[in-house]
Amino acid sequence: MVDLDSDPTKLIEVVGLGKQLLMTRGS
């Protein structure tokens, strides 16, 4: 993955987005 904003803390949001994808599919 490449963060275009170069904000290292965004990795926390990326985790949330990944979990949201898996949850959406599972739900």
mmCIF file of all heavy atoms, coordinates in Angstrom:
data_MODEL
# 
_entry.id   MODEL 
# 
loop_
_atom_site.group_PDB 
_atom_site.id 
_atom_site.type_symbol 
_atom_site.label_atom_id 
_atom_site.label_alt_id 
_atom_site.label_comp_id 
_atom_site.label_asym_id 
_atom_site.label_entity_id 
_atom_site.label_seq_id 
_atom_site.pdbx_PDB_ins_code 
_atom_site.Cartn_x 
_atom_site.Cartn_y 
_atom_site.Cartn_z 
_atom_site.occupancy 
_atom_site.B_iso_or_equiv 
_atom_site.pdbx_formal_charge 
_atom_site.auth_seq_id 
_atom_site.auth_comp_id 
_atom_site.auth_asym_id 
_atom_site.auth_atom_id 
_atom_site.pdbx_PDB_model_num 
ATOM 1   N N   . MET A 1 1  ? 0.856   -1.180  0.000  1.00 0.00 ? 1  MET A N   1 
ATOM 2   C CA  . MET A 1 1  ? 0.000   0.000   0.000  1.00 0.00 ? 1  MET A CA  1 
ATOM 3   C C   . MET A 1 1  ? 0.894   1.232   0.000  1.00 0.00 ? 1  MET A C   1 
ATOM 4   O O   . MET A 1 1  ? 2.008   1.190   0.526  1.00 0.00 ? 1  MET A O   1 
ATOM 5   C CB  . MET A 1 1  ? -0.906  0.054   1.245  1.00 0.00 ? 1  MET A CB  1 
ATOM 6   C CG  . MET A 1 1  ? -2.007  -0.980  1.288  1.00 0.00 ? 1  MET A CG  1 
ATOM 7   S SD  . MET A 1 1  ? -3.113  -0.641  2.692  1.00 0.00 ? 1  MET A SD  1 
ATOM 8   C CE  . MET A 1 1  ? -4.161  -2.095  2.626  1.00 0.00 ? 1  MET A CE  1 
ATOM 9   N N   . VAL A 1 2  ? 0.393   2.309   -0.582 1.00 0.00 ? 2  VAL A N   1 
ATOM 10  C CA  . VAL A 1 2  ? 1.110   3.587   -0.561 1.00 0.00 ? 2  VAL A CA  1 
ATOM 11  C C   . VAL A 1 2  ? 0.141   4.650   -0.060 1.00 0.00 ? 2  VAL A C   1 
ATOM 12  O O   . VAL A 1 2  ? -0.948  4.812   -0.601 1.00 0.00 ? 2  VAL A O   1 
ATOM 13  C CB  . VAL A 1 2  ? 1.638   3.977   -1.954 1.00 0.00 ? 2  VAL A CB  1 
ATOM 14  C CG1 . VAL A 1 2  ? 2.333   5.336   -1.891 1.00 0.00 ? 2  VAL A CG1 1 
ATOM 15  C CG2 . VAL A 1 2  ? 2.610   2.920   -2.475 1.00 0.00 ? 2  VAL A CG2 1 
ATOM 16  N N   . ASP A 1 3  ? 0.560   5.358   0.989  1.00 0.00 ? 3  ASP A N   1 
ATOM 17  C CA  . ASP A 1 3  ? -0.250  6.447   1.526  1.00 0.00 ? 3  ASP A CA  1 
ATOM 18  C C   . ASP A 1 3  ? 0.137   7.733   0.817  1.00 0.00 ? 3  ASP A C   1 
ATOM 19  O O   . ASP A 1 3  ? 1.246   8.240   0.977  1.00 0.00 ? 3  ASP A O   1 
ATOM 20  C CB  . ASP A 1 3  ? -0.015  6.572   3.033  1.00 0.00 ? 3  ASP A CB  1 
ATOM 21  C CG  . ASP A 1 3  ? -0.757  7.751   3.639  1.00 0.00 ? 3  ASP A CG  1 
ATOM 22  O OD1 . ASP A 1 3  ? -1.664  8.273   2.966  1.00 0.00 ? 3  ASP A OD1 1 
ATOM 23  O OD2 . ASP A 1 3  ? -0.419  8.148   4.767  1.00 0.00 ? 3  ASP A OD2 1 
ATOM 24  N N   . LEU A 1 4  ? -0.786  8.261   0.014  1.00 0.00 ? 4  LEU A N   1 
ATOM 25  C CA  . LEU A 1 4  ? -0.484  9.443   -0.797 1.00 0.00 ? 4  LEU A CA  1 
ATOM 26  C C   . LEU A 1 4  ? -0.298  10.693  0.057  1.00 0.00 ? 4  LEU A C   1 
ATOM 27  O O   . LEU A 1 4  ? 0.345   11.648  -0.375 1.00 0.00 ? 4  LEU A O   1 
ATOM 28  C CB  . LEU A 1 4  ? -1.607  9.669   -1.807 1.00 0.00 ? 4  LEU A CB  1 
ATOM 29  C CG  . LEU A 1 4  ? -1.878  8.496   -2.754 1.00 0.00 ? 4  LEU A CG  1 
ATOM 30  C CD1 . LEU A 1 4  ? -3.024  8.832   -3.697 1.00 0.00 ? 4  LEU A CD1 1 
ATOM 31  C CD2 . LEU A 1 4  ? -0.645  8.117   -3.533 1.00 0.00 ? 4  LEU A CD2 1 
ATOM 32  N N   . ASP A 1 5  ? -0.855  10.708  1.267  1.00 0.00 ? 5  ASP A N   1 
ATOM 33  C CA  . ASP A 1 5  ? -0.707  11.859  2.152  1.00 0.00 ? 5  ASP A CA  1 
ATOM 34  C C   . ASP A 1 5  ? 0.526   11.757  3.039  1.00 0.00 ? 5  ASP A C   1 
ATOM 35  O O   . ASP A 1 5  ? 0.843   12.693  3.765  1.00 0.00 ? 5  ASP A O   1 
ATOM 36  C CB  . ASP A 1 5  ? -1.936  12.008  3.056  1.00 0.00 ? 5  ASP A CB  1 
ATOM 37  C CG  . ASP A 1 5  ? -3.193  12.325  2.272  1.00 0.00 ? 5  ASP A CG  1 
ATOM 38  O OD1 . ASP A 1 5  ? -3.069  13.013  1.252  1.00 0.00 ? 5  ASP A OD1 1 
ATOM 39  O OD2 . ASP A 1 5  ? -4.273  11.880  2.671  1.00 0.00 ? 5  ASP A OD2 1 
ATOM 40  N N   . SER A 1 6  ? 1.185   10.595  3.023  1.00 0.00 ? 6  SER A N   1 
ATOM 41  C CA  . SER A 1 6  ? 2.373   10.362  3.850  1.00 0.00 ? 6  SER A CA  1 
ATOM 42  C C   . SER A 1 6  ? 2.092   10.647  5.324  1.00 0.00 ? 6  SER A C   1 
ATOM 43  O O   . SER A 1 6  ? 2.864   11.308  6.011  1.00 0.00 ? 6  SER A O   1 
ATOM 44  C CB  . SER A 1 6  ? 3.557   11.208  3.353  1.00 0.00 ? 6  SER A CB  1 
ATOM 45  O OG  . SER A 1 6  ? 3.873   10.886  2.018  1.00 0.00 ? 6  SER A OG  1 
ATOM 46  N N   . ASP A 1 7  ? 0.968   10.123  5.798  1.00 0.00 ? 7  ASP A N   1 
ATOM 47  C CA  . ASP A 1 7  ? 0.584   10.283  7.198  1.00 0.00 ? 7  ASP A CA  1 
ATOM 48  C C   . ASP A 1 7  ? 0.653   8.910   7.860  1.00 0.00 ? 7  ASP A C   1 
ATOM 49  O O   . ASP A 1 7  ? -0.240  8.085   7.684  1.00 0.00 ? 7  ASP A O   1 
ATOM 50  C CB  . ASP A 1 7  ? -0.835  10.841  7.283  1.00 0.00 ? 7  ASP A CB  1 
ATOM 51  C CG  . ASP A 1 7  ? -1.342  10.920  8.717  1.00 0.00 ? 7  ASP A CG  1 
ATOM 52  O OD1 . ASP A 1 7  ? -0.531  10.692  9.640  1.00 0.00 ? 7  ASP A OD1 1 
ATOM 53  O OD2 . ASP A 1 7  ? -2.536  11.199  8.915  1.00 0.00 ? 7  ASP A OD2 1 
ATOM 54  N N   . PRO A 1 8  ? 1.718   8.627   8.624  1.00 0.00 ? 8  PRO A N   1 
ATOM 55  C CA  . PRO A 1 8  ? 1.882   7.279   9.177  1.00 0.00 ? 8  PRO A CA  1 
ATOM 56  C C   . PRO A 1 8  ? 0.733   6.841   10.075 1.00 0.00 ? 8  PRO A C   1 
ATOM 57  O O   . PRO A 1 8  ? 0.442   5.653   10.164 1.00 0.00 ? 8  PRO A O   1 
ATOM 58  C CB  . PRO A 1 8  ? 3.199   7.377   9.968  1.00 0.00 ? 8  PRO A CB  1 
ATOM 59  C CG  . PRO A 1 8  ? 3.926   8.534   9.374  1.00 0.00 ? 8  PRO A CG  1 
ATOM 60  C CD  . PRO A 1 8  ? 2.860   9.497   8.960  1.00 0.00 ? 8  PRO A CD  1 
ATOM 61  N N   . THR A 1 9  ? 0.073   7.771   10.746 1.00 0.00 ? 9  THR A N   1 
ATOM 62  C CA  . THR A 1 9  ? -1.020  7.380   11.632 1.00 0.00 ? 9  THR A CA  1 
ATOM 63  C C   . THR A 1 9  ? -2.219  6.840   10.851 1.00 0.00 ? 9  THR A C   1 
ATOM 64  O O   . THR A 1 9  ? -3.106  6.229   11.435 1.00 0.00 ? 9  THR A O   1 
ATOM 65  C CB  . THR A 1 9  ? -1.485  8.568   12.497 1.00 0.00 ? 9  THR A CB  1 
ATOM 66  O OG1 . THR A 1 9  ? -1.977  9.606   11.646 1.00 0.00 ? 9  THR A OG1 1 
ATOM 67  C CG2 . THR A 1 9  ? -0.357  9.113   13.340 1.00 0.00 ? 9  THR A CG2 1 
ATOM 68  N N   . LYS A 1 10 ? -2.229  7.056   9.550  1.00 0.00 ? 10 LYS A N   1 
ATOM 69  C CA  . LYS A 1 10 ? -3.358  6.584   8.746  1.00 0.00 ? 10 LYS A CA  1 
ATOM 70  C C   . LYS A 1 10 ? -3.435  5.063   8.724  1.00 0.00 ? 10 LYS A C   1 
ATOM 71  O O   . LYS A 1 10 ? -4.470  4.482   8.387  1.00 0.00 ? 10 LYS A O   1 
ATOM 72  C CB  . LYS A 1 10 ? -3.263  7.124   7.331  1.00 0.00 ? 10 LYS A CB  1 
ATOM 73  C CG  . LYS A 1 10 ? -4.579  7.025   6.568  1.00 0.00 ? 10 LYS A CG  1 
ATOM 74  C CD  . LYS A 1 10 ? -4.452  7.511   5.144  1.00 0.00 ? 10 LYS A CD  1 
ATOM 75  C CE  . LYS A 1 10 ? -4.244  9.007   5.105  1.00 0.00 ? 10 LYS A CE  1 
ATOM 76  N NZ  . LYS A 1 10 ? -4.189  9.491   3.718  1.00 0.00 ? 10 LYS A NZ  1 
ATOM 77  N N   . LEU A 1 11 ? -2.336  4.401   9.095  1.00 0.00 ? 11 LEU A N   1 
ATOM 78  C CA  . LEU A 1 11 ? -2.351  2.948   9.157  1.00 0.00 ? 11 LEU A CA  1 
ATOM 79  C C   . LEU A 1 11 ? -3.469  2.454   10.076 1.00 0.00 ? 11 LEU A C   1 
ATOM 80  O O   . LEU A 1 11 ? -4.065  1.398   9.849  1.00 0.00 ? 11 LEU A O   1 
ATOM 81  C CB  . LEU A 1 11 ? -0.990  2.439   9.658  1.00 0.00 ? 11 LEU A CB  1 
ATOM 82  C CG  . LEU A 1 11 ? -0.703  0.941   9.548  1.00 0.00 ? 11 LEU A CG  1 
ATOM 83  C CD1 . LEU A 1 11 ? -0.898  0.463   8.122  1.00 0.00 ? 11 LEU A CD1 1 
ATOM 84  C CD2 . LEU A 1 11 ? 0.700   0.639   10.015 1.00 0.00 ? 11 LEU A CD2 1 
ATOM 85  N N   . ILE A 1 12 ? -3.790  3.243   11.092 1.00 0.00 ? 12 ILE A N   1 
ATOM 86  C CA  . ILE A 1 12 ? -4.873  2.880   12.005 1.00 0.00 ? 12 ILE A CA  1 
ATOM 87  C C   . ILE A 1 12 ? -6.208  2.889   11.251 1.00 0.00 ? 12 ILE A C   1 
ATOM 88  O O   . ILE A 1 12 ? -7.041  2.002   11.415 1.00 0.00 ? 12 ILE A O   1 
ATOM 89  C CB  . ILE A 1 12 ? -4.901  3.846   13.201 1.00 0.00 ? 12 ILE A CB  1 
ATOM 90  C CG1 . ILE A 1 12 ? -3.579  3.737   13.981 1.00 0.00 ? 12 ILE A CG1 1 
ATOM 91  C CG2 . ILE A 1 12 ? -6.085  3.558   14.115 1.00 0.00 ? 12 ILE A CG2 1 
ATOM 92  C CD1 . ILE A 1 12 ? -3.420  4.773   15.069 1.00 0.00 ? 12 ILE A CD1 1 
ATOM 93  N N   . GLU A 1 13 ? -6.404  3.900   10.387 1.00 0.00 ? 13 GLU A N   1 
ATOM 94  C CA  . GLU A 1 13 ? -7.641  3.968   9.600  1.00 0.00 ? 13 GLU A CA  1 
ATOM 95  C C   . GLU A 1 13 ? -7.685  2.843   8.563  1.00 0.00 ? 13 GLU A C   1 
ATOM 96  O O   . GLU A 1 13 ? -8.751  2.303   8.269  1.00 0.00 ? 13 GLU A O   1 
ATOM 97  C CB  . GLU A 1 13 ? -7.751  5.315   8.898  1.00 0.00 ? 13 GLU A CB  1 
ATOM 98  C CG  . GLU A 1 13 ? -8.366  6.419   9.729  1.00 0.00 ? 13 GLU A CG  1 
ATOM 99  C CD  . GLU A 1 13 ? -7.383  6.950   10.766 1.00 0.00 ? 13 GLU A CD  1 
ATOM 100 O OE1 . GLU A 1 13 ? -6.166  6.804   10.551 1.00 0.00 ? 13 GLU A OE1 1 
ATOM 101 O OE2 . GLU A 1 13 ? -7.820  7.505   11.779 1.00 0.00 ? 13 GLU A OE2 1 
ATOM 102 N N   . VAL A 1 14 ? -6.526  2.499   8.002  1.00 0.00 ? 14 VAL A N   1 
ATOM 103 C CA  . VAL A 1 14 ? -6.474  1.415   7.015  1.00 0.00 ? 14 VAL A CA  1 
ATOM 104 C C   . VAL A 1 14 ? -6.959  0.112   7.649  1.00 0.00 ? 14 VAL A C   1 
ATOM 105 O O   . VAL A 1 14 ? -7.686  -0.668  7.027  1.00 0.00 ? 14 VAL A O   1 
ATOM 106 C CB  . VAL A 1 14 ? -5.038  1.262   6.458  1.00 0.00 ? 14 VAL A CB  1 
ATOM 107 C CG1 . VAL A 1 14 ? -4.912  -0.016  5.634  1.00 0.00 ? 14 VAL A CG1 1 
ATOM 108 C CG2 . VAL A 1 14 ? -4.676  2.470   5.603  1.00 0.00 ? 14 VAL A CG2 1 
ATOM 109 N N   . VAL A 1 15 ? -6.559  -0.117  8.897  1.00 0.00 ? 15 VAL A N   1 
ATOM 110 C CA  . VAL A 1 15 ? -7.031  -1.312  9.616  1.00 0.00 ? 15 VAL A CA  1 
ATOM 111 C C   . VAL A 1 15 ? -8.553  -1.287  9.723  1.00 0.00 ? 15 VAL A C   1 
ATOM 112 O O   . VAL A 1 15 ? -9.224  -2.292  9.473  1.00 0.00 ? 15 VAL A O   1 
ATOM 113 C CB  . VAL A 1 15 ? -6.390  -1.381  11.013 1.00 0.00 ? 15 VAL A CB  1 
ATOM 114 C CG1 . VAL A 1 15 ? -7.046  -2.475  11.859 1.00 0.00 ? 15 VAL A CG1 1 
ATOM 115 C CG2 . VAL A 1 15 ? -4.893  -1.632  10.897 1.00 0.00 ? 15 VAL A CG2 1 
ATOM 116 N N   . GLY A 1 16 ? -9.099  -0.127  10.078 1.00 0.00 ? 16 GLY A N   1 
ATOM 117 C CA  . GLY A 1 16 ? -10.550 -0.009  10.191 1.00 0.00 ? 16 GLY A CA  1 
ATOM 118 C C   . GLY A 1 16 ? -11.258 -0.260  8.868  1.00 0.00 ? 16 GLY A C   1 
ATOM 119 O O   . GLY A 1 16 ? -12.296 -0.924  8.820  1.00 0.00 ? 16 GLY A O   1 
ATOM 120 N N   . LEU A 1 17 ? -10.684 0.254   7.775  1.00 0.00 ? 17 LEU A N   1 
ATOM 121 C CA  . LEU A 1 17 ? -11.288 0.041   6.456  1.00 0.00 ? 17 LEU A CA  1 
ATOM 122 C C   . LEU A 1 17 ? -11.241 -1.436  6.069  1.00 0.00 ? 17 LEU A C   1 
ATOM 123 O O   . LEU A 1 17 ? -12.175 -1.965  5.461  1.00 0.00 ? 17 LEU A O   1 
ATOM 124 C CB  . LEU A 1 17 ? -10.562 0.887   5.411  1.00 0.00 ? 17 LEU A CB  1 
ATOM 125 C CG  . LEU A 1 17 ? -10.804 2.401   5.488  1.00 0.00 ? 17 LEU A CG  1 
ATOM 126 C CD1 . LEU A 1 17 ? -9.895  3.134   4.522  1.00 0.00 ? 17 LEU A CD1 1 
ATOM 127 C CD2 . LEU A 1 17 ? -12.253 2.732   5.188  1.00 0.00 ? 17 LEU A CD2 1 
ATOM 128 N N   . GLY A 1 18 ? -10.122 -2.103  6.395  1.00 0.00 ? 18 GLY A N   1 
ATOM 129 C CA  . GLY A 1 18 ? -10.020 -3.538  6.103  1.00 0.00 ? 18 GLY A CA  1 
ATOM 130 C C   . GLY A 1 18 ? -11.051 -4.338  6.869  1.00 0.00 ? 18 GLY A C   1 
ATOM 131 O O   . GLY A 1 18 ? -11.687 -5.248  6.325  1.00 0.00 ? 18 GLY A O   1 
ATOM 132 N N   . LYS A 1 19 ? -11.232 -3.990  8.145  1.00 0.00 ? 19 LYS A N   1 
ATOM 133 C CA  . LYS A 1 19 ? -12.231 -4.690  8.954  1.00 0.00 ? 19 LYS A CA  1 
ATOM 134 C C   . LYS A 1 19 ? -13.640 -4.392  8.436  1.00 0.00 ? 19 LYS A C   1 
ATOM 135 O O   . LYS A 1 19 ? -14.516 -5.263  8.450  1.00 0.00 ? 19 LYS A O   1 
ATOM 136 C CB  . LYS A 1 19 ? -12.090 -4.288  10.418 1.00 0.00 ? 19 LYS A CB  1 
ATOM 137 C CG  . LYS A 1 19 ? -10.855 -4.875  11.096 1.00 0.00 ? 19 LYS A CG  1 
ATOM 138 C CD  . LYS A 1 19 ? -10.850 -4.629  12.571 1.00 0.00 ? 19 LYS A CD  1 
ATOM 139 C CE  . LYS A 1 19 ? -9.650  -5.317  13.225 1.00 0.00 ? 19 LYS A CE  1 
ATOM 140 N NZ  . LYS A 1 19 ? -9.719  -6.781  13.140 1.00 0.00 ? 19 LYS A NZ  1 
ATOM 141 N N   . GLN A 1 20 ? -13.850 -3.165  7.971  1.00 0.00 ? 20 GLN A N   1 
ATOM 142 C CA  . GLN A 1 20 ? -15.168 -2.814  7.431  1.00 0.00 ? 20 GLN A CA  1 
ATOM 143 C C   . GLN A 1 20 ? -15.475 -3.635  6.185  1.00 0.00 ? 20 GLN A C   1 
ATOM 144 O O   . GLN A 1 20 ? -16.602 -4.102  5.995  1.00 0.00 ? 20 GLN A O   1 
ATOM 145 C CB  . GLN A 1 20 ? -15.224 -1.328  7.107  1.00 0.00 ? 20 GLN A CB  1 
ATOM 146 C CG  . GLN A 1 20 ? -16.603 -0.866  6.660  1.00 0.00 ? 20 GLN A CG  1 
ATOM 147 C CD  . GLN A 1 20 ? -16.624 0.567   6.203  1.00 0.00 ? 20 GLN A CD  1 
ATOM 148 O OE1 . GLN A 1 20 ? -15.711 1.038   5.542  1.00 0.00 ? 20 GLN A OE1 1 
ATOM 149 N NE2 . GLN A 1 20 ? -17.682 1.279   6.559  1.00 0.00 ? 20 GLN A NE2 1 
ATOM 150 N N   . LEU A 1 21 ? -14.471 -3.843  5.327  1.00 0.00 ? 21 LEU A N   1 
ATOM 151 C CA  . LEU A 1 21 ? -14.664 -4.655  4.124  1.00 0.00 ? 21 LEU A CA  1 
ATOM 152 C C   . LEU A 1 21 ? -15.047 -6.081  4.496  1.00 0.00 ? 21 LEU A C   1 
ATOM 153 O O   . LEU A 1 21 ? -16.002 -6.653  3.947  1.00 0.00 ? 21 LEU A O   1 
ATOM 154 C CB  . LEU A 1 21 ? -13.380 -4.641  3.286  1.00 0.00 ? 21 LEU A CB  1 
ATOM 155 C CG  . LEU A 1 21 ? -13.343 -5.600  2.092  1.00 0.00 ? 21 LEU A CG  1 
ATOM 156 C CD1 . LEU A 1 21 ? -14.427 -5.247  1.087  1.00 0.00 ? 21 LEU A CD1 1 
ATOM 157 C CD2 . LEU A 1 21 ? -11.983 -5.587  1.423  1.00 0.00 ? 21 LEU A CD2 1 
ATOM 158 N N   . LEU A 1 22 ? -14.298 -6.676  5.433  1.00 0.00 ? 22 LEU A N   1 
ATOM 159 C CA  . LEU A 1 22 ? -14.585 -8.053  5.827  1.00 0.00 ? 22 LEU A CA  1 
ATOM 160 C C   . LEU A 1 22 ? -15.958 -8.152  6.499  1.00 0.00 ? 22 LEU A C   1 
ATOM 161 O O   . LEU A 1 22 ? -16.709 -9.104  6.259  1.00 0.00 ? 22 LEU A O   1 
ATOM 162 C CB  . LEU A 1 22 ? -13.505 -8.556  6.780  1.00 0.00 ? 22 LEU A CB  1 
ATOM 163 C CG  . LEU A 1 22 ? -12.103 -8.731  6.176  1.00 0.00 ? 22 LEU A CG  1 
ATOM 164 C CD1 . LEU A 1 22 ? -11.099 -9.116  7.249  1.00 0.00 ? 22 LEU A CD1 1 
ATOM 165 C CD2 . LEU A 1 22 ? -12.115 -9.783  5.078  1.00 0.00 ? 22 LEU A CD2 1 
ATOM 166 N N   . MET A 1 23 ? -16.280 -7.158  7.329  1.00 0.00 ? 23 MET A N   1 
ATOM 167 C CA  . MET A 1 23 ? -17.581 -7.170  8.001  1.00 0.00 ? 23 MET A CA  1 
ATOM 168 C C   . MET A 1 23 ? -18.731 -7.021  7.016  1.00 0.00 ? 23 MET A C   1 
ATOM 169 O O   . MET A 1 23 ? -19.771 -7.673  7.154  1.00 0.00 ? 23 MET A O   1 
ATOM 170 C CB  . MET A 1 23 ? -17.651 -6.036  9.022  1.00 0.00 ? 23 MET A CB  1 
ATOM 171 C CG  . MET A 1 23 ? -17.089 -6.381  10.382 1.00 0.00 ? 23 MET A CG  1 
ATOM 172 S SD  . MET A 1 23 ? -17.577 -5.155  11.609 1.00 0.00 ? 23 MET A SD  1 
ATOM 173 C CE  . MET A 1 23 ? -19.349 -5.232  11.479 1.00 0.00 ? 23 MET A CE  1 
ATOM 174 N N   . THR A 1 24 ? -18.545 -6.155  6.018  1.00 0.00 ? 24 THR A N   1 
ATOM 175 C CA  . THR A 1 24 ? -19.600 -5.950  5.024  1.00 0.00 ? 24 THR A CA  1 
ATOM 176 C C   . THR A 1 24 ? -19.871 -7.241  4.266  1.00 0.00 ? 24 THR A C   1 
ATOM 177 O O   . THR A 1 24 ? -21.035 -7.638  4.087  1.00 0.00 ? 24 THR A O   1 
ATOM 178 C CB  . THR A 1 24 ? -19.196 -4.837  4.043  1.00 0.00 ? 24 THR A CB  1 
ATOM 179 O OG1 . THR A 1 24 ? -18.949 -3.635  4.768  1.00 0.00 ? 24 THR A OG1 1 
ATOM 180 C CG2 . THR A 1 24 ? -20.294 -4.584  3.024  1.00 0.00 ? 24 THR A CG2 1 
ATOM 181 N N   . ARG A 1 25 ? -18.803 -7.893  3.870  1.00 0.00 ? 25 ARG A N   1 
ATOM 182 C CA  . ARG A 1 25 ? -18.971 -9.148  3.128  1.00 0.00 ? 25 ARG A CA  1 
ATOM 183 C C   . ARG A 1 25 ? -19.614 -10.212 4.018  1.00 0.00 ? 25 ARG A C   1 
ATOM 184 O O   . ARG A 1 25 ? -20.538 -10.922 3.593  1.00 0.00 ? 25 ARG A O   1 
ATOM 185 C CB  . ARG A 1 25 ? -17.608 -9.617  2.612  1.00 0.00 ? 25 ARG A CB  1 
ATOM 186 C CG  . ARG A 1 25 ? -17.691 -10.803 1.657  1.00 0.00 ? 25 ARG A CG  1 
ATOM 187 C CD  . ARG A 1 25 ? -16.312 -11.189 1.177  1.00 0.00 ? 25 ARG A CD  1 
ATOM 188 N NE  . ARG A 1 25 ? -15.762 -10.135 0.332  1.00 0.00 ? 25 ARG A NE  1 
ATOM 189 C CZ  . ARG A 1 25 ? -14.481 -9.787  0.313  1.00 0.00 ? 25 ARG A CZ  1 
ATOM 190 N NH1 . ARG A 1 25 ? -13.627 -10.396 1.102  1.00 0.00 ? 25 ARG A NH1 1 
ATOM 191 N NH2 . ARG A 1 25 ? -14.050 -8.842  -0.486 1.00 0.00 ? 25 ARG A NH2 1 
ATOM 192 N N   . GLY A 1 26 ? -19.141 -10.314 5.254  1.00 0.00 ? 26 GLY A N   1 
ATOM 193 C CA  . GLY A 1 26 ? -19.695 -11.318 6.157  1.00 0.00 ? 26 GLY A CA  1 
ATOM 194 C C   . GLY A 1 26 ? -21.143 -11.035 6.514  1.00 0.00 ? 26 GLY A C   1 
ATOM 195 O O   . GLY A 1 26 ? -21.978 -11.950 6.571  1.00 0.00 ? 26 GLY A O   1 
ATOM 196 N N   . SER A 1 27 ? -21.443 -9.764  6.751  1.00 0.00 ? 27 SER A N   1 
ATOM 197 C CA  . SER A 1 27 ? -22.811 -9.399  7.141  1.00 0.00 ? 27 SER A CA  1 
ATOM 198 C C   . SER A 1 27 ? -23.805 -9.675  6.025  1.00 0.00 ? 27 SER A C   1 
ATOM 199 O O   . SER A 1 27 ? -24.890 -10.233 6.249  1.00 0.00 ? 27 SER A O   1 
ATOM 200 C CB  . SER A 1 27 ? -22.862 -7.921  7.540  1.00 0.00 ? 27 SER A CB  1 
ATOM 201 O OG  . SER A 1 27 ? -22.029 -7.659  8.650  1.00 0.00 ? 27 SER A OG  1 
# 
